[in-house]
Amino acid sequence: PSPSPTGARASVRPSPRPTAGTPAGTPGPRATPTPDGQVRTYTVR
């Protein structure tokens, strides 16, 4: 689907209940990681 863009340099977090195939990002503070998850940062071009 055509997601709604977030502005440049914006932090984005998933909505509380994303539905399949819909955009999940909304401007806001960083989300907390899952308890068993490792937080990994991917630096891309």
PDB file of all heavy atoms in Angstrom:
ATOM      1  N   PRO A   1       0.832  -1.201   0.000  1.00  0.00           N
ATOM      2  CA  PRO A   1       0.000   0.000   0.000  1.00  0.00           C
ATOM      3  C   PRO A   1       0.862   1.245   0.000  1.00  0.00           C
ATOM      4  O   PRO A   1       2.025   1.196   0.353  1.00  0.00           O
ATOM      5  CB  PRO A   1      -0.798  -0.130   1.305  1.00  0.00           C
ATOM      6  CG  PRO A   1       0.052  -0.986   2.171  1.00  0.00           C
ATOM      7  CD  PRO A   1       0.765  -1.929   1.238  1.00  0.00           C
ATOM      8  N   SER A   2       0.287   2.349  -0.399  1.00  0.00           N
ATOM      9  CA  SER A   2       1.018   3.615  -0.382  1.00  0.00           C
ATOM     10  C   SER A   2       1.060   4.110   1.048  1.00  0.00           C
ATOM     11  O   SER A   2       0.043   4.554   1.575  1.00  0.00           O
ATOM     12  CB  SER A   2       0.326   4.650  -1.266  1.00  0.00           C
ATOM     13  OG  SER A   2       0.317   4.201  -2.583  1.00  0.00           O
ATOM     14  N   PRO A   3       2.209   4.015   1.705  1.00  0.00           N
ATOM     15  CA  PRO A   3       2.278   4.463   3.092  1.00  0.00           C
ATOM     16  C   PRO A   3       2.326   5.975   3.162  1.00  0.00           C
ATOM     17  O   PRO A   3       2.724   6.637   2.217  1.00  0.00           O
ATOM     18  CB  PRO A   3       3.574   3.850   3.600  1.00  0.00           C
ATOM     19  CG  PRO A   3       4.409   3.717   2.384  1.00  0.00           C
ATOM     20  CD  PRO A   3       3.459   3.457   1.242  1.00  0.00           C
ATOM     21  N   SER A   4       1.905   6.498   4.288  1.00  0.00           N
ATOM     22  CA  SER A   4       2.017   7.937   4.470  1.00  0.00           C
ATOM     23  C   SER A   4       3.447   8.238   4.883  1.00  0.00           C
ATOM     24  O   SER A   4       3.962   7.632   5.817  1.00  0.00           O
ATOM     25  CB  SER A   4       1.032   8.409   5.537  1.00  0.00           C
ATOM     26  OG  SER A   4       1.271   7.722   6.738  1.00  0.00           O
ATOM     27  N   PRO A   5       4.118   9.154   4.177  1.00  0.00           N
ATOM     28  CA  PRO A   5       5.518   9.436   4.485  1.00  0.00           C
ATOM     29  C   PRO A   5       5.649  10.170   5.807  1.00  0.00           C
ATOM     30  O   PRO A   5       4.763  10.899   6.214  1.00  0.00           O
ATOM     31  CB  PRO A   5       5.979  10.308   3.324  1.00  0.00           C
ATOM     32  CG  PRO A   5       4.736  10.926   2.802  1.00  0.00           C
ATOM     33  CD  PRO A   5       3.619   9.943   3.070  1.00  0.00           C
ATOM     34  N   THR A   6       6.752   9.965   6.455  1.00  0.00           N
ATOM     35  CA  THR A   6       7.092  10.740   7.629  1.00  0.00           C
ATOM     36  C   THR A   6       8.196  11.693   7.213  1.00  0.00           C
ATOM     37  O   THR A   6       8.957  11.395   6.315  1.00  0.00           O
ATOM     38  CB  THR A   6       7.585   9.837   8.776  1.00  0.00           C
ATOM     39  OG1 THR A   6       8.735   9.151   8.317  1.00  0.00           O
ATOM     40  CG2 THR A   6       6.516   8.849   9.200  1.00  0.00           C
ATOM     41  N   GLY A   7       8.265  12.820   7.825  1.00  0.00           N
ATOM     42  CA  GLY A   7       9.241  13.826   7.432  1.00  0.00           C
ATOM     43  C   GLY A   7      10.667  13.355   7.589  1.00  0.00           C
ATOM     44  O   GLY A   7      10.964  12.427   8.308  1.00  0.00           O
ATOM     45  N   ALA A   8      11.565  14.020   6.906  1.00  0.00           N
ATOM     46  CA  ALA A   8      12.989  13.677   6.998  1.00  0.00           C
ATOM     47  C   ALA A   8      13.447  13.823   8.431  1.00  0.00           C
ATOM     48  O   ALA A   8      13.007  14.699   9.156  1.00  0.00           O
ATOM     49  CB  ALA A   8      13.790  14.591   6.085  1.00  0.00           C
ATOM     50  N   ARG A   9      14.333  12.935   8.840  1.00  0.00           N
ATOM     51  CA  ARG A   9      14.915  12.925  10.180  1.00  0.00           C
ATOM     52  C   ARG A   9      13.866  12.673  11.259  1.00  0.00           C
ATOM     53  O   ARG A   9      14.038  13.032  12.396  1.00  0.00           O
ATOM     54  CB  ARG A   9      15.640  14.227  10.487  1.00  0.00           C
ATOM     55  CG  ARG A   9      16.853  14.430   9.635  1.00  0.00           C
ATOM     56  CD  ARG A   9      17.991  13.720  10.284  1.00  0.00           C
ATOM     57  NE  ARG A   9      19.162  13.885   9.451  1.00  0.00           N
ATOM     58  CZ  ARG A   9      20.118  13.026   9.378  1.00  0.00           C
ATOM     59  NH1 ARG A   9      20.085  11.941  10.067  1.00  0.00           N
ATOM     60  NH2 ARG A   9      21.149  13.232   8.599  1.00  0.00           N
ATOM     61  N   ALA A  10      12.742  12.076  10.924  1.00  0.00           N
ATOM     62  CA  ALA A  10      11.727  11.787  11.925  1.00  0.00           C
ATOM     63  C   ALA A  10      11.956  10.403  12.502  1.00  0.00           C
ATOM     64  O   ALA A  10      12.356   9.501  11.798  1.00  0.00           O
ATOM     65  CB  ALA A  10      10.337  11.853  11.301  1.00  0.00           C
ATOM     66  N   SER A  11      11.689  10.240  13.781  1.00  0.00           N
ATOM     67  CA  SER A  11      11.674   8.905  14.359  1.00  0.00           C
ATOM     68  C   SER A  11      10.270   8.381  14.168  1.00  0.00           C
ATOM     69  O   SER A  11       9.308   9.117  14.254  1.00  0.00           O
ATOM     70  CB  SER A  11      12.007   8.949  15.846  1.00  0.00           C
ATOM     71  OG  SER A  11      13.357   9.259  16.008  1.00  0.00           O
ATOM     72  N   VAL A  12      10.152   7.121  13.902  1.00  0.00           N
ATOM     73  CA  VAL A  12       8.863   6.539  13.599  1.00  0.00           C
ATOM     74  C   VAL A  12       8.674   5.322  14.477  1.00  0.00           C
ATOM     75  O   VAL A  12       9.624   4.618  14.774  1.00  0.00           O
ATOM     76  CB  VAL A  12       8.797   6.103  12.116  1.00  0.00           C
ATOM     77  CG1 VAL A  12       7.372   5.971  11.667  1.00  0.00           C
ATOM     78  CG2 VAL A  12       9.505   7.089  11.234  1.00  0.00           C
ATOM     79  N   ARG A  13       7.454   5.045  14.892  1.00  0.00           N
ATOM     80  CA  ARG A  13       7.201   3.835  15.668  1.00  0.00           C
ATOM     81  C   ARG A  13       5.931   3.181  15.166  1.00  0.00           C
ATOM     82  O   ARG A  13       5.072   3.834  14.579  1.00  0.00           O
ATOM     83  CB  ARG A  13       7.100   4.146  17.143  1.00  0.00           C
ATOM     84  CG  ARG A  13       5.877   4.952  17.475  1.00  0.00           C
ATOM     85  CD  ARG A  13       5.805   5.207  18.962  1.00  0.00           C
ATOM     86  NE  ARG A  13       4.681   6.098  19.180  1.00  0.00           N
ATOM     87  CZ  ARG A  13       3.914   6.060  20.226  1.00  0.00           C
ATOM     88  NH1 ARG A  13       4.144   5.200  21.169  1.00  0.00           N
ATOM     89  NH2 ARG A  13       2.915   6.884  20.345  1.00  0.00           N
ATOM     90  N   PRO A  14       5.781   1.874  15.408  1.00  0.00           N
ATOM     91  CA  PRO A  14       4.592   1.208  14.918  1.00  0.00           C
ATOM     92  C   PRO A  14       3.366   1.627  15.700  1.00  0.00           C
ATOM     93  O   PRO A  14       3.455   2.006  16.858  1.00  0.00           O
ATOM     94  CB  PRO A  14       4.895  -0.271  15.124  1.00  0.00           C
ATOM     95  CG  PRO A  14       5.956  -0.313  16.152  1.00  0.00           C
ATOM     96  CD  PRO A  14       6.700   0.988  16.051  1.00  0.00           C
ATOM     97  N   SER A  15       2.214   1.558  15.044  1.00  0.00           N
ATOM     98  CA  SER A  15       0.973   1.850  15.734  1.00  0.00           C
ATOM     99  C   SER A  15       0.699   0.713  16.707  1.00  0.00           C
ATOM    100  O   SER A  15       1.201  -0.391  16.547  1.00  0.00           O
ATOM    101  CB  SER A  15      -0.163   2.011  14.730  1.00  0.00           C
ATOM    102  OG  SER A  15      -0.309   0.825  13.997  1.00  0.00           O
ATOM    103  N   PRO A  16      -0.127   0.937  17.729  1.00  0.00           N
ATOM    104  CA  PRO A  16      -0.345  -0.104  18.709  1.00  0.00           C
ATOM    105  C   PRO A  16      -0.892  -1.405  18.117  1.00  0.00           C
ATOM    106  O   PRO A  16      -0.545  -2.467  18.541  1.00  0.00           O
ATOM    107  CB  PRO A  16      -1.347   0.511  19.684  1.00  0.00           C
ATOM    108  CG  PRO A  16      -1.237   1.984  19.472  1.00  0.00           C
ATOM    109  CD  PRO A  16      -0.781   2.174  18.063  1.00  0.00           C
ATOM    110  N   ARG A  17      -1.790  -1.345  17.130  1.00  0.00           N
ATOM    111  CA  ARG A  17      -2.349  -2.539  16.514  1.00  0.00           C
ATOM    112  C   ARG A  17      -2.294  -2.415  15.000  1.00  0.00           C
ATOM    113  O   ARG A  17      -3.307  -2.126  14.358  1.00  0.00           O
ATOM    114  CB  ARG A  17      -3.799  -2.704  16.946  1.00  0.00           C
ATOM    115  CG  ARG A  17      -3.945  -3.066  18.383  1.00  0.00           C
ATOM    116  CD  ARG A  17      -5.398  -3.372  18.699  1.00  0.00           C
ATOM    117  NE  ARG A  17      -5.526  -3.517  20.116  1.00  0.00           N
ATOM    118  CZ  ARG A  17      -6.222  -2.704  20.894  1.00  0.00           C
ATOM    119  NH1 ARG A  17      -6.866  -1.704  20.389  1.00  0.00           N
ATOM    120  NH2 ARG A  17      -6.269  -2.907  22.181  1.00  0.00           N
ATOM    121  N   PRO A  18      -1.126  -2.627  14.394  1.00  0.00           N
ATOM    122  CA  PRO A  18      -1.077  -2.529  12.937  1.00  0.00           C
ATOM    123  C   PRO A  18      -1.861  -3.674  12.303  1.00  0.00           C
ATOM    124  O   PRO A  18      -1.881  -4.783  12.810  1.00  0.00           O
ATOM    125  CB  PRO A  18       0.412  -2.635  12.612  1.00  0.00           C
ATOM    126  CG  PRO A  18       1.000  -3.339  13.778  1.00  0.00           C
ATOM    127  CD  PRO A  18       0.153  -2.972  14.961  1.00  0.00           C
ATOM    128  N   THR A  19      -2.512  -3.370  11.198  1.00  0.00           N
ATOM    129  CA  THR A  19      -3.230  -4.407  10.477  1.00  0.00           C
ATOM    130  C   THR A  19      -2.375  -4.867   9.321  1.00  0.00           C
ATOM    131  O   THR A  19      -1.520  -4.146   8.846  1.00  0.00           O
ATOM    132  CB  THR A  19      -4.578  -3.878   9.961  1.00  0.00           C
ATOM    133  OG1 THR A  19      -4.324  -2.745   9.145  1.00  0.00           O
ATOM    134  CG2 THR A  19      -5.490  -3.487  11.113  1.00  0.00           C
ATOM    135  N   ALA A  20      -2.612  -6.083   8.869  1.00  0.00           N
ATOM    136  CA  ALA A  20      -1.783  -6.662   7.808  1.00  0.00           C
ATOM    137  C   ALA A  20      -1.821  -5.792   6.564  1.00  0.00           C
ATOM    138  O   ALA A  20      -2.877  -5.408   6.086  1.00  0.00           O
ATOM    139  CB  ALA A  20      -2.273  -8.068   7.481  1.00  0.00           C
ATOM    140  N   GLY A  21      -0.638  -5.476   6.048  1.00  0.00           N
ATOM    141  CA  GLY A  21      -0.519  -4.735   4.800  1.00  0.00           C
ATOM    142  C   GLY A  21      -0.779  -3.254   4.894  1.00  0.00           C
ATOM    143  O   GLY A  21      -0.862  -2.582   3.889  1.00  0.00           O
ATOM    144  N   THR A  22      -0.924  -2.710   6.088  1.00  0.00           N
ATOM    145  CA  THR A  22      -1.146  -1.269   6.202  1.00  0.00           C
ATOM    146  C   THR A  22       0.100  -0.609   6.753  1.00  0.00           C
ATOM    147  O   THR A  22       0.901  -1.239   7.426  1.00  0.00           O
ATOM    148  CB  THR A  22      -2.333  -0.953   7.147  1.00  0.00           C
ATOM    149  OG1 THR A  22      -2.025  -1.483   8.426  1.00  0.00           O
ATOM    150  CG2 THR A  22      -3.624  -1.524   6.616  1.00  0.00           C
ATOM    151  N   PRO A  23       0.280   0.691   6.484  1.00  0.00           N
ATOM    152  CA  PRO A  23       1.454   1.374   7.011  1.00  0.00           C
ATOM    153  C   PRO A  23       1.418   1.370   8.529  1.00  0.00           C
ATOM    154  O   PRO A  23       0.388   1.542   9.126  1.00  0.00           O
ATOM    155  CB  PRO A  23       1.342   2.793   6.467  1.00  0.00           C
ATOM    156  CG  PRO A  23       0.171   2.826   5.578  1.00  0.00           C
ATOM    157  CD  PRO A  23      -0.557   1.532   5.687  1.00  0.00           C
ATOM    158  N   ALA A  24       2.568   1.145   9.128  1.00  0.00           N
ATOM    159  CA  ALA A  24       2.626   1.060  10.589  1.00  0.00           C
ATOM    160  C   ALA A  24       3.316   2.260  11.213  1.00  0.00           C
ATOM    161  O   ALA A  24       3.299   2.398  12.410  1.00  0.00           O
ATOM    162  CB  ALA A  24       3.358  -0.206  11.013  1.00  0.00           C
ATOM    163  N   GLY A  25       3.963   3.117  10.453  1.00  0.00           N
ATOM    164  CA  GLY A  25       4.751   4.189  11.043  1.00  0.00           C
ATOM    165  C   GLY A  25       3.950   5.439  11.311  1.00  0.00           C
ATOM    166  O   GLY A  25       3.146   5.864  10.505  1.00  0.00           O
ATOM    167  N   THR A  26       4.152   5.999  12.471  1.00  0.00           N
ATOM    168  CA  THR A  26       3.593   7.287  12.809  1.00  0.00           C
ATOM    169  C   THR A  26       4.677   8.065  13.526  1.00  0.00           C
ATOM    170  O   THR A  26       5.459   7.475  14.260  1.00  0.00           O
ATOM    171  CB  THR A  26       2.357   7.162  13.729  1.00  0.00           C
ATOM    172  OG1 THR A  26       2.751   6.443  14.889  1.00  0.00           O
ATOM    173  CG2 THR A  26       1.214   6.473  13.030  1.00  0.00           C
ATOM    174  N   PRO A  27       4.756   9.397  13.322  1.00  0.00           N
ATOM    175  CA  PRO A  27       5.799  10.141  14.007  1.00  0.00           C
ATOM    176  C   PRO A  27       5.639  10.019  15.514  1.00  0.00           C
ATOM    177  O   PRO A  27       4.543   9.979  16.017  1.00  0.00           O
ATOM    178  CB  PRO A  27       5.574  11.581  13.554  1.00  0.00           C
ATOM    179  CG  PRO A  27       4.759  11.476  12.314  1.00  0.00           C
ATOM    180  CD  PRO A  27       3.966  10.219  12.443  1.00  0.00           C
ATOM    181  N   GLY A  28       6.751   9.923  16.208  1.00  0.00           N
ATOM    182  CA  GLY A  28       6.682   9.838  17.652  1.00  0.00           C
ATOM    183  C   GLY A  28       7.998   9.382  18.236  1.00  0.00           C
ATOM    184  O   GLY A  28       8.974   9.189  17.526  1.00  0.00           O
ATOM    185  N   PRO A  29       8.043   9.164  19.546  1.00  0.00           N
ATOM    186  CA  PRO A  29       9.283   8.740  20.188  1.00  0.00           C
ATOM    187  C   PRO A  29       9.608   7.294  19.846  1.00  0.00           C
ATOM    188  O   PRO A  29       8.788   6.565  19.326  1.00  0.00           O
ATOM    189  CB  PRO A  29       8.956   8.890  21.683  1.00  0.00           C
ATOM    190  CG  PRO A  29       7.481   8.753  21.756  1.00  0.00           C
ATOM    191  CD  PRO A  29       6.955   9.342  20.470  1.00  0.00           C
ATOM    192  N   ARG A  30      10.821   6.897  20.187  1.00  0.00           N
ATOM    193  CA  ARG A  30      11.264   5.529  19.901  1.00  0.00           C
ATOM    194  C   ARG A  30      10.425   4.532  20.671  1.00  0.00           C
ATOM    195  O   ARG A  30      10.064   4.745  21.807  1.00  0.00           O
ATOM    196  CB  ARG A  30      12.721   5.354  20.288  1.00  0.00           C
ATOM    197  CG  ARG A  30      13.635   6.072  19.372  1.00  0.00           C
ATOM    198  CD  ARG A  30      15.058   5.889  19.855  1.00  0.00           C
ATOM    199  NE  ARG A  30      15.916   6.576  18.928  1.00  0.00           N
ATOM    200  CZ  ARG A  30      16.906   5.997  18.301  1.00  0.00           C
ATOM    201  NH1 ARG A  30      17.190   4.750  18.504  1.00  0.00           N
ATOM    202  NH2 ARG A  30      17.643   6.675  17.474  1.00  0.00           N
ATOM    203  N   ALA A  31      10.143   3.408  20.034  1.00  0.00           N
ATOM    204  CA  ALA A  31       9.413   2.336  20.686  1.00  0.00           C
ATOM    205  C   ALA A  31      10.380   1.524  21.531  1.00  0.00           C
ATOM    206  O   ALA A  31      11.565   1.484  21.271  1.00  0.00           O
ATOM    207  CB  ALA A  31       8.762   1.450  19.633  1.00  0.00           C
ATOM    208  N   THR A  32       9.844   0.850  22.535  1.00  0.00           N
ATOM    209  CA  THR A  32      10.693   0.008  23.363  1.00  0.00           C
ATOM    210  C   THR A  32      10.845  -1.352  22.708  1.00  0.00           C
ATOM    211  O   THR A  32       9.911  -1.858  22.094  1.00  0.00           O
ATOM    212  CB  THR A  32      10.079  -0.162  24.765  1.00  0.00           C
ATOM    213  OG1 THR A  32       8.759  -0.658  24.612  1.00  0.00           O
ATOM    214  CG2 THR A  32      10.063   1.148  25.511  1.00  0.00           C
ATOM    215  N   PRO A  33      12.029  -1.964  22.812  1.00  0.00           N
ATOM    216  CA  PRO A  33      12.242  -3.261  22.171  1.00  0.00           C
ATOM    217  C   PRO A  33      11.484  -4.365  22.889  1.00  0.00           C
ATOM    218  O   PRO A  33      11.097  -4.221  24.039  1.00  0.00           O
ATOM    219  CB  PRO A  33      13.746  -3.477  22.291  1.00  0.00           C
ATOM    220  CG  PRO A  33      14.148  -2.649  23.455  1.00  0.00           C
ATOM    221  CD  PRO A  33      13.207  -1.478  23.484  1.00  0.00           C
ATOM    222  N   THR A  34      11.281  -5.475  22.208  1.00  0.00           N
ATOM    223  CA  THR A  34      10.640  -6.621  22.826  1.00  0.00           C
ATOM    224  C   THR A  34      11.555  -7.170  23.903  1.00  0.00           C
ATOM    225  O   THR A  34      12.774  -7.053  23.803  1.00  0.00           O
ATOM    226  CB  THR A  34      10.339  -7.708  21.773  1.00  0.00           C
ATOM    227  OG1 THR A  34      11.561  -8.058  21.138  1.00  0.00           O
ATOM    228  CG2 THR A  34       9.341  -7.235  20.756  1.00  0.00           C
ATOM    229  N   PRO A  35      10.988  -7.793  24.941  1.00  0.00           N
ATOM    230  CA  PRO A  35      11.831  -8.267  26.037  1.00  0.00           C
ATOM    231  C   PRO A  35      12.914  -9.256  25.592  1.00  0.00           C
ATOM    232  O   PRO A  35      14.015  -9.236  26.102  1.00  0.00           O
ATOM    233  CB  PRO A  35      10.844  -8.942  26.988  1.00  0.00           C
ATOM    234  CG  PRO A  35       9.513  -8.411  26.628  1.00  0.00           C
ATOM    235  CD  PRO A  35       9.581  -8.012  25.190  1.00  0.00           C
ATOM    236  N   ASP A  36      12.598 -10.144  24.648  1.00  0.00           N
ATOM    237  CA  ASP A  36      13.595 -11.122  24.237  1.00  0.00           C
ATOM    238  C   ASP A  36      14.365 -10.674  23.003  1.00  0.00           C
ATOM    239  O   ASP A  36      15.135 -11.436  22.452  1.00  0.00           O
ATOM    240  CB  ASP A  36      12.929 -12.469  23.957  1.00  0.00           C
ATOM    241  CG  ASP A  36      11.962 -12.406  22.792  1.00  0.00           C
ATOM    242  OD1 ASP A  36      11.436 -11.314  22.494  1.00  0.00           O
ATOM    243  OD2 ASP A  36      11.715 -13.445  22.176  1.00  0.00           O
ATOM    244  N   GLY A  37      14.180  -9.434  22.559  1.00  0.00           N
ATOM    245  CA  GLY A  37      14.796  -8.983  21.322  1.00  0.00           C
ATOM    246  C   GLY A  37      16.130  -8.294  21.505  1.00  0.00           C
ATOM    247  O   GLY A  37      16.400  -7.683  22.525  1.00  0.00           O
ATOM    248  N   GLN A  38      16.972  -8.419  20.469  1.00  0.00           N
ATOM    249  CA  GLN A  38      18.219  -7.672  20.402  1.00  0.00           C
ATOM    250  C   GLN A  38      17.968  -6.480  19.493  1.00  0.00           C
ATOM    251  O   GLN A  38      17.487  -6.645  18.382  1.00  0.00           O
ATOM    252  CB  GLN A  38      19.326  -8.514  19.798  1.00  0.00           C
ATOM    253  CG  GLN A  38      19.967  -9.475  20.723  1.00  0.00           C
ATOM    254  CD  GLN A  38      21.206 -10.065  20.054  1.00  0.00           C
ATOM    255  OE1 GLN A  38      21.211 -10.351  18.873  1.00  0.00           O
ATOM    256  NE2 GLN A  38      22.248 -10.223  20.823  1.00  0.00           N
ATOM    257  N   VAL A  39      18.296  -5.296  19.951  1.00  0.00           N
ATOM    258  CA  VAL A  39      18.121  -4.105  19.137  1.00  0.00           C
ATOM    259  C   VAL A  39      19.313  -3.999  18.199  1.00  0.00           C
ATOM    260  O   VAL A  39      20.460  -4.008  18.639  1.00  0.00           O
ATOM    261  CB  VAL A  39      17.981  -2.851  20.010  1.00  0.00           C
ATOM    262  CG1 VAL A  39      17.879  -1.609  19.155  1.00  0.00           C
ATOM    263  CG2 VAL A  39      16.765  -2.982  20.908  1.00  0.00           C
ATOM    264  N   ARG A  40      19.034  -3.928  16.900  1.00  0.00           N
ATOM    265  CA  ARG A  40      20.089  -3.843  15.884  1.00  0.00           C
ATOM    266  C   ARG A  40      19.820  -2.641  14.996  1.00  0.00           C
ATOM    267  O   ARG A  40      18.698  -2.420  14.562  1.00  0.00           O
ATOM    268  CB  ARG A  40      20.137  -5.104  15.052  1.00  0.00           C
ATOM    269  CG  ARG A  40      20.502  -6.293  15.905  1.00  0.00           C
ATOM    270  CD  ARG A  40      20.859  -7.445  15.061  1.00  0.00           C
ATOM    271  NE  ARG A  40      21.263  -8.540  15.924  1.00  0.00           N
ATOM    272  CZ  ARG A  40      22.204  -9.384  15.620  1.00  0.00           C
ATOM    273  NH1 ARG A  40      22.843  -9.289  14.490  1.00  0.00           N
ATOM    274  NH2 ARG A  40      22.522 -10.349  16.441  1.00  0.00           N
ATOM    275  N   THR A  41      20.885  -1.913  14.694  1.00  0.00           N
ATOM    276  CA  THR A  41      20.781  -0.751  13.826  1.00  0.00           C
ATOM    277  C   THR A  41      21.445  -1.075  12.499  1.00  0.00           C
ATOM    278  O   THR A  41      22.575  -1.546  12.460  1.00  0.00           O
ATOM    279  CB  THR A  41      21.450   0.474  14.474  1.00  0.00           C
ATOM    280  OG1 THR A  41      20.775   0.750  15.701  1.00  0.00           O
ATOM    281  CG2 THR A  41      21.371   1.689  13.559  1.00  0.00           C
ATOM    282  N   TYR A  42      20.732  -0.819  11.418  1.00  0.00           N
ATOM    283  CA  TYR A  42      21.224  -1.059  10.064  1.00  0.00           C
ATOM    284  C   TYR A  42      21.505   0.294   9.437  1.00  0.00           C
ATOM    285  O   TYR A  42      20.573   1.069   9.198  1.00  0.00           O
ATOM    286  CB  TYR A  42      20.191  -1.848   9.255  1.00  0.00           C
ATOM    287  CG  TYR A  42      19.896  -3.195   9.865  1.00  0.00           C
ATOM    288  CD1 TYR A  42      18.949  -3.331  10.857  1.00  0.00           C
ATOM    289  CD2 TYR A  42      20.612  -4.310   9.470  1.00  0.00           C
ATOM    290  CE1 TYR A  42      18.701  -4.560  11.439  1.00  0.00           C
ATOM    291  CE2 TYR A  42      20.368  -5.546  10.047  1.00  0.00           C
ATOM    292  CZ  TYR A  42      19.413  -5.668  11.033  1.00  0.00           C
ATOM    293  OH  TYR A  42      19.172  -6.885  11.613  1.00  0.00           O
ATOM    294  N   THR A  43      22.770   0.590   9.206  1.00  0.00           N
ATOM    295  CA  THR A  43      23.147   1.838   8.549  1.00  0.00           C
ATOM    296  C   THR A  43      23.175   1.567   7.057  1.00  0.00           C
ATOM    297  O   THR A  43      23.947   0.735   6.579  1.00  0.00           O
ATOM    298  CB  THR A  43      24.515   2.319   9.044  1.00  0.00           C
ATOM    299  OG1 THR A  43      24.442   2.491  10.463  1.00  0.00           O
ATOM    300  CG2 THR A  43      24.897   3.639   8.387  1.00  0.00           C
ATOM    301  N   VAL A  44      22.308   2.259   6.328  1.00  0.00           N
ATOM    302  CA  VAL A  44      22.182   2.079   4.886  1.00  0.00           C
ATOM    303  C   VAL A  44      22.528   3.389   4.201  1.00  0.00           C
ATOM    304  O   VAL A  44      22.734   4.407   4.849  1.00  0.00           O
ATOM    305  CB  VAL A  44      20.754   1.597   4.516  1.00  0.00           C
ATOM    306  CG1 VAL A  44      20.506   0.191   5.039  1.00  0.00           C
ATOM    307  CG2 VAL A  44      19.700   2.542   5.047  1.00  0.00           C
ATOM    308  N   ARG A  45      22.557   3.366   2.883  1.00  0.00           N
ATOM    309  CA  ARG A  45      22.953   4.557   2.125  1.00  0.00           C
ATOM    310  C   ARG A  45      22.022   5.748   2.394  1.00  0.00           C
ATOM    311  O   ARG A  45      22.453   6.894   2.359  1.00  0.00           O
ATOM    312  CB  ARG A  45      22.943   4.226   0.637  1.00  0.00           C
ATOM    313  CG  ARG A  45      23.673   5.252  -0.191  1.00  0.00           C
ATOM    314  CD  ARG A  45      23.698   4.939  -1.650  1.00  0.00           C
ATOM    315  NE  ARG A  45      23.934   3.524  -1.918  1.00  0.00           N
ATOM    316  CZ  ARG A  45      23.700   2.940  -3.076  1.00  0.00           C
ATOM    317  NH1 ARG A  45      23.221   3.636  -4.076  1.00  0.00           N
ATOM    318  NH2 ARG A  45      23.946   1.662  -3.241  1.00  0.00           N
TER     319      ARG A  45
END
